[in-house]
Amino acid sequence: HGPILRDLRARVTIARNKAIVENPPVPKWLREMPVMKMLEALKRNESPSRLQAMAKELARRTDKESLLALAEFAYCPYRDISQPSGELLIKRLKQLNDYEILGLLVNPIPAVKLGALKFLQESSAMPKYADVIALLDDANSEVRQMARKTLMKWAPGKDFGPDEKADAEARSRSMKEWRTHFHLDSK
């Protein structure tokens, strides 16, 4: 049994070392840090390496508050934080079901809506036409434009707007045209 046990011990050691490299242990200060403190650190624009570690920790957590905070990290103005956080957000969103994604589309935080729209653009899930069309009238212009891009991806070669500076009437016309295109006319 000796050679078998030595071989097994070596395999376990290799697997454990690989796991540590791929998923290093989370430092205690970060593991215990409340989400609100991470968002405050983001607002203060702390060091990029520290903020990136916080984004990884938010992606590791499975609660809704952490997901919403990760969306804030993904759509912050600091590119060295937003880009890797956006990738983490997409991975995290892939773990959600359709119902949870739809819930994010109506969240009041623009960054959360943007993350859900970005996920829908990259997803092979069934398009949520009506829910995305409704975002063409969102209060946030960035959300409106991301919704437009999402619809354009689902309808190659089509663009019914609205333009970034469109008023409420123009947005309403645009929404009607998108509904007609996707055969969602109101009855």
N, C-alpha and C. Protein backbone atom coordinates (compact mmCIF):
# COMPACT_ATOMS: atom_id res chain seq x y z
N HIS A 1 0.81 -1.21 0.00
CA HIS A 1 0.00 0.00 0.00
C HIS A 1 0.85 1.27 0.00
N GLY A 2 2.10 1.14 0.34
CA GLY A 2 2.97 2.30 0.45
C GLY A 2 3.05 3.13 -0.82
N PRO A 3 3.35 2.52 -1.99
CA PRO A 3 3.44 3.31 -3.23
C PRO A 3 2.11 4.00 -3.58
N ILE A 4 1.02 3.33 -3.33
CA ILE A 4 -0.30 3.93 -3.64
C ILE A 4 -0.53 5.14 -2.75
N LEU A 5 -0.22 5.02 -1.46
CA LEU A 5 -0.41 6.14 -0.54
C LEU A 5 0.49 7.32 -0.89
N ARG A 6 1.75 7.05 -1.27
CA ARG A 6 2.67 8.13 -1.67
C ARG A 6 2.14 8.85 -2.91
N ASP A 7 1.67 8.07 -3.89
CA ASP A 7 1.11 8.64 -5.11
C ASP A 7 -0.12 9.49 -4.79
N LEU A 8 -0.97 8.97 -3.94
CA LEU A 8 -2.18 9.70 -3.56
C LEU A 8 -1.84 10.99 -2.83
N ARG A 9 -0.86 10.93 -1.90
CA ARG A 9 -0.43 12.11 -1.15
C ARG A 9 0.11 13.18 -2.11
N ALA A 10 0.90 12.75 -3.09
CA ALA A 10 1.46 13.69 -4.07
C ALA A 10 0.35 14.34 -4.88
N ARG A 11 -0.64 13.56 -5.30
CA ARG A 11 -1.75 14.11 -6.08
C ARG A 11 -2.57 15.11 -5.26
N VAL A 12 -2.80 14.80 -4.01
CA VAL A 12 -3.56 15.70 -3.12
C VAL A 12 -2.79 17.01 -2.94
N THR A 13 -1.49 16.92 -2.74
CA THR A 13 -0.66 18.12 -2.57
C THR A 13 -0.71 18.99 -3.82
N ILE A 14 -0.59 18.39 -4.98
CA ILE A 14 -0.64 19.13 -6.24
C ILE A 14 -2.00 19.80 -6.41
N ALA A 15 -3.06 19.07 -6.15
CA ALA A 15 -4.42 19.63 -6.29
C ALA A 15 -4.63 20.77 -5.30
N ARG A 16 -4.16 20.62 -4.06
CA ARG A 16 -4.31 21.68 -3.06
C ARG A 16 -3.53 22.92 -3.47
N ASN A 17 -2.31 22.76 -3.93
CA ASN A 17 -1.50 23.91 -4.36
C ASN A 17 -2.13 24.61 -5.55
N LYS A 18 -2.67 23.83 -6.47
CA LYS A 18 -3.35 24.42 -7.63
C LYS A 18 -4.57 25.22 -7.19
N ALA A 19 -5.33 24.69 -6.25
CA ALA A 19 -6.52 25.38 -5.74
C ALA A 19 -6.14 26.68 -5.06
N ILE A 20 -5.05 26.68 -4.32
CA ILE A 20 -4.60 27.90 -3.63
C ILE A 20 -4.18 28.96 -4.64
N VAL A 21 -3.49 28.53 -5.71
CA VAL A 21 -3.07 29.49 -6.74
C VAL A 21 -4.28 30.08 -7.47
N GLU A 22 -5.25 29.21 -7.82
CA GLU A 22 -6.42 29.68 -8.55
C GLU A 22 -7.39 30.46 -7.68
N ASN A 23 -7.51 30.11 -6.43
CA ASN A 23 -8.42 30.78 -5.50
C ASN A 23 -7.68 31.07 -4.20
N PRO A 24 -6.84 32.11 -4.21
CA PRO A 24 -6.07 32.39 -3.00
C PRO A 24 -7.01 32.71 -1.83
N PRO A 25 -6.57 32.40 -0.63
CA PRO A 25 -7.41 32.69 0.53
C PRO A 25 -7.67 34.20 0.62
N VAL A 26 -8.87 34.55 1.02
CA VAL A 26 -9.25 35.95 1.13
C VAL A 26 -8.73 36.47 2.47
N PRO A 27 -8.00 37.59 2.44
CA PRO A 27 -7.50 38.15 3.71
C PRO A 27 -8.68 38.46 4.66
N LYS A 28 -8.43 38.30 5.94
CA LYS A 28 -9.48 38.48 6.93
C LYS A 28 -10.08 39.89 6.87
N TRP A 29 -9.23 40.92 6.68
CA TRP A 29 -9.73 42.29 6.64
C TRP A 29 -10.76 42.47 5.52
N LEU A 30 -10.57 41.74 4.41
CA LEU A 30 -11.45 41.86 3.27
C LEU A 30 -12.68 40.97 3.43
N ARG A 31 -12.47 39.79 3.94
CA ARG A 31 -13.57 38.85 4.14
C ARG A 31 -14.62 39.42 5.09
N GLU A 32 -14.18 40.20 6.07
CA GLU A 32 -15.09 40.75 7.08
C GLU A 32 -15.57 42.17 6.75
N MET A 33 -15.08 42.74 5.65
CA MET A 33 -15.44 44.11 5.31
C MET A 33 -16.89 44.19 4.81
N PRO A 34 -17.68 45.07 5.42
CA PRO A 34 -19.06 45.25 4.95
C PRO A 34 -19.08 45.86 3.55
N VAL A 35 -20.11 45.56 2.81
CA VAL A 35 -20.25 46.06 1.44
C VAL A 35 -20.23 47.59 1.42
N MET A 36 -20.88 48.20 2.38
CA MET A 36 -20.95 49.67 2.43
C MET A 36 -19.54 50.28 2.52
N LYS A 37 -18.66 49.64 3.27
CA LYS A 37 -17.28 50.14 3.39
C LYS A 37 -16.54 50.02 2.05
N MET A 38 -16.84 48.96 1.29
CA MET A 38 -16.22 48.80 -0.03
C MET A 38 -16.69 49.90 -0.97
N LEU A 39 -17.98 50.22 -0.91
CA LEU A 39 -18.50 51.29 -1.76
C LEU A 39 -17.91 52.64 -1.37
N GLU A 40 -17.71 52.85 -0.08
CA GLU A 40 -17.07 54.10 0.37
C GLU A 40 -15.63 54.17 -0.14
N ALA A 41 -14.92 53.04 -0.13
CA ALA A 41 -13.54 53.00 -0.65
C ALA A 41 -13.52 53.31 -2.13
N LEU A 42 -14.53 52.84 -2.86
CA LEU A 42 -14.62 53.12 -4.29
C LEU A 42 -14.84 54.62 -4.51
N LYS A 43 -15.71 55.22 -3.72
CA LYS A 43 -15.96 56.67 -3.85
C LYS A 43 -14.72 57.49 -3.53
N ARG A 44 -13.91 56.99 -2.58
CA ARG A 44 -12.67 57.69 -2.22
C ARG A 44 -11.55 57.41 -3.21
N ASN A 45 -11.79 56.47 -4.16
CA ASN A 45 -10.80 56.08 -5.16
C ASN A 45 -9.50 55.61 -4.50
N GLU A 46 -9.64 54.62 -3.62
CA GLU A 46 -8.46 54.04 -2.97
C GLU A 46 -7.58 53.37 -4.02
N SER A 47 -6.50 52.79 -3.59
CA SER A 47 -5.53 52.20 -4.54
C SER A 47 -6.21 51.16 -5.43
N PRO A 48 -5.84 51.14 -6.71
CA PRO A 48 -6.45 50.19 -7.65
C PRO A 48 -6.33 48.74 -7.21
N SER A 49 -5.19 48.35 -6.67
CA SER A 49 -5.03 46.95 -6.26
C SER A 49 -5.99 46.60 -5.12
N ARG A 50 -6.18 47.53 -4.23
CA ARG A 50 -7.10 47.30 -3.10
C ARG A 50 -8.55 47.23 -3.62
N LEU A 51 -8.91 48.12 -4.53
CA LEU A 51 -10.26 48.12 -5.08
C LEU A 51 -10.51 46.86 -5.92
N GLN A 52 -9.50 46.41 -6.65
CA GLN A 52 -9.65 45.18 -7.45
C GLN A 52 -9.86 43.98 -6.53
N ALA A 53 -9.16 43.97 -5.40
CA ALA A 53 -9.35 42.88 -4.43
C ALA A 53 -10.78 42.92 -3.87
N MET A 54 -11.29 44.13 -3.64
CA MET A 54 -12.66 44.26 -3.15
C MET A 54 -13.66 43.77 -4.20
N ALA A 55 -13.41 44.08 -5.46
CA ALA A 55 -14.31 43.61 -6.52
C ALA A 55 -14.32 42.08 -6.58
N LYS A 56 -13.15 41.48 -6.46
CA LYS A 56 -13.08 40.01 -6.45
C LYS A 56 -13.85 39.43 -5.28
N GLU A 57 -13.75 40.08 -4.14
CA GLU A 57 -14.48 39.61 -2.96
C GLU A 57 -15.99 39.76 -3.17
N LEU A 58 -16.41 40.87 -3.76
CA LEU A 58 -17.84 41.06 -4.04
C LEU A 58 -18.35 39.98 -5.00
N ALA A 59 -17.54 39.63 -5.97
CA ALA A 59 -17.93 38.59 -6.93
C ALA A 59 -17.99 37.22 -6.26
N ARG A 60 -17.17 37.00 -5.25
CA ARG A 60 -17.14 35.73 -4.53
C ARG A 60 -18.39 35.55 -3.67
N ARG A 61 -18.87 36.66 -3.12
CA ARG A 61 -20.05 36.60 -2.26
C ARG A 61 -21.31 36.33 -3.09
N THR A 62 -22.29 35.74 -2.48
CA THR A 62 -23.50 35.35 -3.23
C THR A 62 -24.74 36.15 -2.87
N ASP A 63 -24.63 37.14 -2.00
CA ASP A 63 -25.81 37.91 -1.61
C ASP A 63 -26.10 39.03 -2.62
N LYS A 64 -27.33 39.50 -2.60
CA LYS A 64 -27.77 40.51 -3.56
C LYS A 64 -27.05 41.84 -3.36
N GLU A 65 -26.81 42.21 -2.11
CA GLU A 65 -26.12 43.47 -1.82
C GLU A 65 -24.73 43.51 -2.46
N SER A 66 -24.04 42.39 -2.41
CA SER A 66 -22.70 42.32 -3.02
C SER A 66 -22.78 42.40 -4.54
N LEU A 67 -23.79 41.78 -5.12
CA LEU A 67 -23.98 41.85 -6.57
C LEU A 67 -24.23 43.29 -7.01
N LEU A 68 -25.08 43.99 -6.28
CA LEU A 68 -25.38 45.39 -6.62
C LEU A 68 -24.14 46.26 -6.47
N ALA A 69 -23.35 46.00 -5.45
CA ALA A 69 -22.11 46.77 -5.26
C ALA A 69 -21.11 46.46 -6.37
N LEU A 70 -21.04 45.21 -6.79
CA LEU A 70 -20.14 44.84 -7.89
C LEU A 70 -20.51 45.60 -9.16
N ALA A 71 -21.81 45.80 -9.38
CA ALA A 71 -22.24 46.59 -10.54
C ALA A 71 -21.74 48.03 -10.43
N GLU A 72 -21.74 48.57 -9.23
CA GLU A 72 -21.20 49.93 -9.03
C GLU A 72 -19.71 49.96 -9.38
N PHE A 73 -18.98 48.94 -8.98
CA PHE A 73 -17.56 48.85 -9.31
C PHE A 73 -17.38 48.75 -10.84
N ALA A 74 -18.24 47.95 -11.48
CA ALA A 74 -18.11 47.72 -12.92
C ALA A 74 -18.39 48.98 -13.74
N TYR A 75 -19.19 49.88 -13.21
CA TYR A 75 -19.53 51.09 -13.96
C TYR A 75 -19.02 52.35 -13.29
N CYS A 76 -17.90 52.22 -12.57
CA CYS A 76 -17.26 53.39 -11.98
C CYS A 76 -16.42 54.08 -13.06
N PRO A 77 -16.04 55.33 -12.85
CA PRO A 77 -15.28 56.04 -13.89
C PRO A 77 -13.81 55.63 -14.01
N TYR A 78 -13.31 54.77 -13.15
CA TYR A 78 -11.91 54.38 -13.16
C TYR A 78 -11.73 53.11 -13.98
N ARG A 79 -11.17 53.23 -15.16
CA ARG A 79 -11.06 52.11 -16.11
C ARG A 79 -10.32 50.90 -15.53
N ASP A 80 -9.26 51.15 -14.75
CA ASP A 80 -8.50 50.03 -14.20
C ASP A 80 -9.29 49.25 -13.16
N ILE A 81 -10.40 49.81 -12.71
CA ILE A 81 -11.30 49.11 -11.78
C ILE A 81 -12.52 48.60 -12.54
N SER A 82 -13.08 49.43 -13.41
CA SER A 82 -14.33 49.08 -14.07
C SER A 82 -14.19 47.89 -15.03
N GLN A 83 -13.09 47.82 -15.76
CA GLN A 83 -12.94 46.76 -16.75
C GLN A 83 -12.87 45.36 -16.11
N PRO A 84 -11.97 45.13 -15.15
CA PRO A 84 -11.96 43.79 -14.53
C PRO A 84 -13.23 43.53 -13.72
N SER A 85 -13.79 44.57 -13.12
CA SER A 85 -15.03 44.39 -12.35
C SER A 85 -16.19 44.03 -13.27
N GLY A 86 -16.20 44.60 -14.47
CA GLY A 86 -17.24 44.27 -15.45
C GLY A 86 -17.19 42.81 -15.84
N GLU A 87 -15.98 42.28 -16.01
CA GLU A 87 -15.82 40.86 -16.34
C GLU A 87 -16.31 39.99 -15.19
N LEU A 88 -16.00 40.39 -13.97
CA LEU A 88 -16.47 39.65 -12.80
C LEU A 88 -17.99 39.72 -12.69
N LEU A 89 -18.55 40.88 -13.02
CA LEU A 89 -20.00 41.04 -12.96
C LEU A 89 -20.69 40.11 -13.95
N ILE A 90 -20.18 40.03 -15.16
CA ILE A 90 -20.78 39.15 -16.17
C ILE A 90 -20.74 37.70 -15.69
N LYS A 91 -19.60 37.28 -15.14
CA LYS A 91 -19.50 35.91 -14.61
C LYS A 91 -20.52 35.68 -13.50
N ARG A 92 -20.68 36.68 -12.65
CA ARG A 92 -21.63 36.56 -11.52
C ARG A 92 -23.07 36.52 -12.04
N LEU A 93 -23.37 37.32 -13.06
CA LEU A 93 -24.73 37.36 -13.60
C LEU A 93 -25.09 36.03 -14.28
N LYS A 94 -24.11 35.33 -14.79
CA LYS A 94 -24.36 34.04 -15.44
C LYS A 94 -24.90 33.01 -14.44
N GLN A 95 -24.71 33.27 -13.18
CA GLN A 95 -25.19 32.36 -12.14
C GLN A 95 -26.66 32.61 -11.79
N LEU A 96 -27.23 33.69 -12.32
CA LEU A 96 -28.61 34.05 -12.00
C LEU A 96 -29.58 33.44 -13.00
N ASN A 97 -30.82 33.30 -12.58
CA ASN A 97 -31.85 32.83 -13.50
C ASN A 97 -32.52 34.02 -14.19
N ASP A 98 -33.37 33.75 -15.16
CA ASP A 98 -34.02 34.80 -15.94
C ASP A 98 -34.82 35.76 -15.06
N TYR A 99 -35.51 35.22 -14.10
CA TYR A 99 -36.33 36.03 -13.20
C TYR A 99 -35.46 37.04 -12.45
N GLU A 100 -34.30 36.60 -11.98
CA GLU A 100 -33.40 37.50 -11.25
C GLU A 100 -32.82 38.57 -12.17
N ILE A 101 -32.51 38.21 -13.41
CA ILE A 101 -32.01 39.20 -14.38
C ILE A 101 -33.07 40.26 -14.64
N LEU A 102 -34.31 39.83 -14.82
CA LEU A 102 -35.41 40.79 -15.05
C LEU A 102 -35.55 41.73 -13.86
N GLY A 103 -35.34 41.22 -12.67
CA GLY A 103 -35.39 42.06 -11.47
C GLY A 103 -34.32 43.13 -11.49
N LEU A 104 -33.17 42.82 -12.06
CA LEU A 104 -32.08 43.80 -12.14
C LEU A 104 -32.41 44.91 -13.14
N LEU A 105 -33.20 44.59 -14.15
CA LEU A 105 -33.56 45.60 -15.16
C LEU A 105 -34.43 46.71 -14.57
N VAL A 106 -35.12 46.43 -13.49
CA VAL A 106 -35.98 47.45 -12.88
C VAL A 106 -35.36 48.02 -11.60
N ASN A 107 -34.14 47.66 -11.31
CA ASN A 107 -33.46 48.18 -10.14
C ASN A 107 -33.23 49.69 -10.31
N PRO A 108 -33.37 50.48 -9.25
CA PRO A 108 -33.19 51.93 -9.39
C PRO A 108 -31.75 52.38 -9.64
N ILE A 109 -30.77 51.52 -9.41
CA ILE A 109 -29.37 51.89 -9.58
C ILE A 109 -28.98 51.71 -11.05
N PRO A 110 -28.62 52.80 -11.75
CA PRO A 110 -28.27 52.70 -13.17
C PRO A 110 -27.18 51.66 -13.47
N ALA A 111 -26.17 51.56 -12.62
CA ALA A 111 -25.08 50.61 -12.86
C ALA A 111 -25.58 49.17 -12.88
N VAL A 112 -26.59 48.88 -12.08
CA VAL A 112 -27.15 47.53 -12.04
C VAL A 112 -27.88 47.24 -13.35
N LYS A 113 -28.67 48.21 -13.83
CA LYS A 113 -29.37 48.04 -15.12
C LYS A 113 -28.36 47.87 -16.25
N LEU A 114 -27.30 48.67 -16.22
CA LEU A 114 -26.28 48.58 -17.26
C LEU A 114 -25.63 47.19 -17.26
N GLY A 115 -25.34 46.67 -16.09
CA GLY A 115 -24.74 45.34 -16.00
C GLY A 115 -25.67 44.27 -16.54
N ALA A 116 -26.95 44.38 -16.21
CA ALA A 116 -27.92 43.39 -16.69
C ALA A 116 -28.06 43.48 -18.21
N LEU A 117 -28.08 44.70 -18.75
CA LEU A 117 -28.17 44.88 -20.20
C LEU A 117 -26.93 44.33 -20.91
N LYS A 118 -25.77 44.59 -20.36
CA LYS A 118 -24.52 44.07 -20.94
C LYS A 118 -24.55 42.55 -20.94
N PHE A 119 -25.04 41.97 -19.86
CA PHE A 119 -25.16 40.52 -19.79
C PHE A 119 -26.11 40.02 -20.87
N LEU A 120 -27.26 40.67 -21.03
CA LEU A 120 -28.23 40.25 -22.04
C LEU A 120 -27.65 40.34 -23.45
N GLN A 121 -26.80 41.34 -23.70
CA GLN A 121 -26.16 41.46 -25.01
C GLN A 121 -25.27 40.26 -25.30
N GLU A 122 -24.59 39.78 -24.29
CA GLU A 122 -23.62 38.70 -24.47
C GLU A 122 -24.24 37.32 -24.27
N SER A 123 -25.45 37.28 -23.77
CA SER A 123 -26.09 36.02 -23.41
C SER A 123 -26.80 35.39 -24.60
N SER A 124 -26.94 34.09 -24.52
CA SER A 124 -27.73 33.39 -25.54
C SER A 124 -29.13 33.09 -25.01
N ALA A 125 -29.44 33.69 -23.86
CA ALA A 125 -30.77 33.49 -23.26
C ALA A 125 -31.84 34.13 -24.14
N MET A 126 -33.05 33.71 -23.95
CA MET A 126 -34.18 34.26 -24.72
C MET A 126 -34.26 35.77 -24.48
N PRO A 127 -34.29 36.58 -25.54
CA PRO A 127 -34.36 38.03 -25.38
C PRO A 127 -35.61 38.46 -24.60
N LYS A 128 -35.45 39.49 -23.82
CA LYS A 128 -36.53 40.07 -23.01
C LYS A 128 -36.94 41.40 -23.65
N TYR A 129 -37.51 41.32 -24.84
CA TYR A 129 -37.80 42.51 -25.64
C TYR A 129 -38.54 43.59 -24.86
N ALA A 130 -39.69 43.25 -24.30
CA ALA A 130 -40.54 44.26 -23.66
C ALA A 130 -39.82 44.93 -22.50
N ASP A 131 -39.08 44.16 -21.72
CA ASP A 131 -38.39 44.73 -20.57
C ASP A 131 -37.27 45.69 -21.00
N VAL A 132 -36.59 45.34 -22.07
CA VAL A 132 -35.51 46.20 -22.56
C VAL A 132 -36.09 47.43 -23.26
N ILE A 133 -37.16 47.26 -24.01
CA ILE A 133 -37.79 48.41 -24.66
C ILE A 133 -38.25 49.42 -23.62
N ALA A 134 -38.74 48.96 -22.49
CA ALA A 134 -39.18 49.88 -21.42
C ALA A 134 -38.02 50.75 -20.94
N LEU A 135 -36.80 50.24 -21.01
CA LEU A 135 -35.64 51.01 -20.55
C LEU A 135 -35.25 52.12 -21.52
N LEU A 136 -35.85 52.15 -22.70
CA LEU A 136 -35.57 53.25 -23.63
C LEU A 136 -36.12 54.58 -23.08
N ASP A 137 -36.95 54.50 -22.06
CA ASP A 137 -37.51 55.70 -21.43
C ASP A 137 -36.96 55.88 -20.01
N ASP A 138 -35.84 55.24 -19.71
CA ASP A 138 -35.23 55.35 -18.38
C ASP A 138 -34.74 56.77 -18.13
N ALA A 139 -34.68 57.16 -16.88
CA ALA A 139 -34.22 58.51 -16.52
C ALA A 139 -32.74 58.70 -16.84
N ASN A 140 -31.97 57.62 -16.88
CA ASN A 140 -30.53 57.69 -17.12
C ASN A 140 -30.23 57.49 -18.61
N SER A 141 -29.57 58.46 -19.23
CA SER A 141 -29.31 58.38 -20.68
C SER A 141 -28.37 57.22 -21.02
N GLU A 142 -27.45 56.90 -20.14
CA GLU A 142 -26.54 55.78 -20.41
C GLU A 142 -27.31 54.45 -20.45
N VAL A 143 -28.29 54.32 -19.56
CA VAL A 143 -29.14 53.11 -19.56
C VAL A 143 -29.96 53.07 -20.85
N ARG A 144 -30.50 54.22 -21.26
CA ARG A 144 -31.29 54.26 -22.51
C ARG A 144 -30.45 53.83 -23.70
N GLN A 145 -29.22 54.31 -23.77
CA GLN A 145 -28.36 53.98 -24.91
C GLN A 145 -27.92 52.52 -24.87
N MET A 146 -27.68 51.97 -23.69
CA MET A 146 -27.32 50.55 -23.58
C MET A 146 -28.52 49.69 -23.98
N ALA A 147 -29.73 50.11 -23.61
CA ALA A 147 -30.94 49.37 -24.02
C ALA A 147 -31.06 49.40 -25.54
N ARG A 148 -30.80 50.54 -26.13
CA ARG A 148 -30.85 50.66 -27.60
C ARG A 148 -29.84 49.72 -28.25
N LYS A 149 -28.61 49.71 -27.73
CA LYS A 149 -27.57 48.82 -28.28
C LYS A 149 -27.97 47.35 -28.14
N THR A 150 -28.61 47.02 -27.03
CA THR A 150 -29.05 45.64 -26.82
C THR A 150 -30.10 45.26 -27.85
N LEU A 151 -31.06 46.14 -28.08
CA LEU A 151 -32.10 45.88 -29.08
C LEU A 151 -31.51 45.77 -30.48
N MET A 152 -30.54 46.64 -30.78
CA MET A 152 -29.89 46.59 -32.09
C MET A 152 -29.13 45.27 -32.28
N LYS A 153 -28.58 44.75 -31.21
CA LYS A 153 -27.89 43.46 -31.30
C LYS A 153 -28.88 42.34 -31.59
N TRP A 154 -30.07 42.45 -31.03
CA TRP A 154 -31.10 41.44 -31.24
C TRP A 154 -31.79 41.59 -32.60
N ALA A 155 -31.64 42.77 -33.21
CA ALA A 155 -32.25 43.03 -34.52
C ALA A 155 -31.19 43.61 -35.44
N PRO A 156 -30.27 42.79 -35.91
CA PRO A 156 -29.17 43.28 -36.75
C PRO A 156 -29.67 44.11 -37.93
N GLY A 157 -29.03 45.26 -38.13
CA GLY A 157 -29.37 46.14 -39.23
C GLY A 157 -30.53 47.07 -38.94
N LYS A 158 -31.13 46.95 -37.77
CA LYS A 158 -32.26 47.81 -37.40
C LYS A 158 -31.84 48.77 -36.30
N ASP A 159 -32.35 50.00 -36.39
CA ASP A 159 -32.12 50.99 -35.34
C ASP A 159 -33.29 51.97 -35.36
N PHE A 160 -34.16 51.81 -34.41
CA PHE A 160 -35.31 52.69 -34.29
C PHE A 160 -35.09 53.74 -33.20
N GLY A 161 -33.85 53.91 -32.76
CA GLY A 161 -33.53 54.92 -31.77
C GLY A 161 -33.90 54.47 -30.37
N PRO A 162 -34.03 55.42 -29.50
CA PRO A 162 -33.97 56.87 -29.68
C PRO A 162 -32.53 57.39 -29.62
N ASP A 163 -32.36 58.61 -30.15
CA ASP A 163 -31.07 59.27 -30.05
C ASP A 163 -30.81 59.62 -28.59
N GLU A 164 -29.56 59.87 -28.29
CA GLU A 164 -29.17 60.16 -26.91
C GLU A 164 -29.90 61.37 -26.34
N LYS A 165 -30.14 62.38 -27.13
CA LYS A 165 -30.77 63.62 -26.65
C LYS A 165 -32.27 63.66 -26.93
N ALA A 166 -32.87 62.53 -27.26
CA ALA A 166 -34.29 62.50 -27.62
C ALA A 166 -35.17 62.93 -26.44
N ASP A 167 -36.23 63.67 -26.77
CA ASP A 167 -37.18 64.07 -25.73
C ASP A 167 -38.16 62.92 -25.48
N ALA A 168 -39.07 63.11 -24.53
CA ALA A 168 -40.00 62.05 -24.13
C ALA A 168 -40.87 61.59 -25.30
N GLU A 169 -41.29 62.52 -26.15
CA GLU A 169 -42.14 62.16 -27.29
C GLU A 169 -41.38 61.28 -28.29
N ALA A 170 -40.13 61.67 -28.57
CA ALA A 170 -39.32 60.89 -29.51
C ALA A 170 -39.01 59.50 -28.93
N ARG A 171 -38.77 59.44 -27.63
CA ARG A 171 -38.52 58.13 -27.00
C ARG A 171 -39.77 57.26 -27.10
N SER A 172 -40.93 57.85 -26.92
CA SER A 172 -42.18 57.10 -27.01
C SER A 172 -42.39 56.54 -28.42
N ARG A 173 -42.13 57.36 -29.43
CA ARG A 173 -42.23 56.89 -30.82
C ARG A 173 -41.26 55.74 -31.08
N SER A 174 -40.04 55.90 -30.57
CA SER A 174 -39.02 54.87 -30.75
C SER A 174 -39.45 53.56 -30.09
N MET A 175 -39.99 53.66 -28.90
CA MET A 175 -40.44 52.46 -28.19
C MET A 175 -41.55 51.76 -28.97
N LYS A 176 -42.45 52.54 -29.55
CA LYS A 176 -43.54 51.97 -30.34
C LYS A 176 -42.98 51.24 -31.57
N GLU A 177 -41.98 51.85 -32.23
CA GLU A 177 -41.38 51.21 -33.40
C GLU A 177 -40.68 49.89 -33.02
N TRP A 178 -39.97 49.89 -31.90
CA TRP A 178 -39.32 48.66 -31.45
C TRP A 178 -40.37 47.59 -31.13
N ARG A 179 -41.45 48.00 -30.43
CA ARG A 179 -42.52 47.04 -30.11
C ARG A 179 -43.11 46.44 -31.38
N THR A 180 -43.34 47.29 -32.39
CA THR A 180 -43.89 46.81 -33.65
C THR A 180 -42.92 45.83 -34.31
N HIS A 181 -41.64 46.19 -34.32
CA HIS A 181 -40.64 45.32 -34.94
C HIS A 181 -40.63 43.93 -34.29
N PHE A 182 -40.71 43.89 -32.97
CA PHE A 182 -40.69 42.61 -32.26
C PHE A 182 -42.08 42.01 -32.05
N HIS A 183 -43.06 42.59 -32.73
CA HIS A 183 -44.45 42.08 -32.67
C HIS A 183 -45.00 42.09 -31.25
N LEU A 184 -44.78 43.20 -30.55
CA LEU A 184 -45.25 43.35 -29.18
C LEU A 184 -46.30 44.45 -29.07
N ASP A 185 -46.99 44.75 -30.16
CA ASP A 185 -47.96 45.84 -30.14
C ASP A 185 -48.93 45.67 -28.99
N SER A 186 -49.20 46.79 -28.30
CA SER A 186 -50.19 46.78 -27.21
C SER A 186 -51.57 46.57 -27.79
N LYS A 187 -52.36 45.89 -27.03
CA LYS A 187 -53.73 45.63 -27.49
C LYS A 187 -54.65 46.63 -26.92
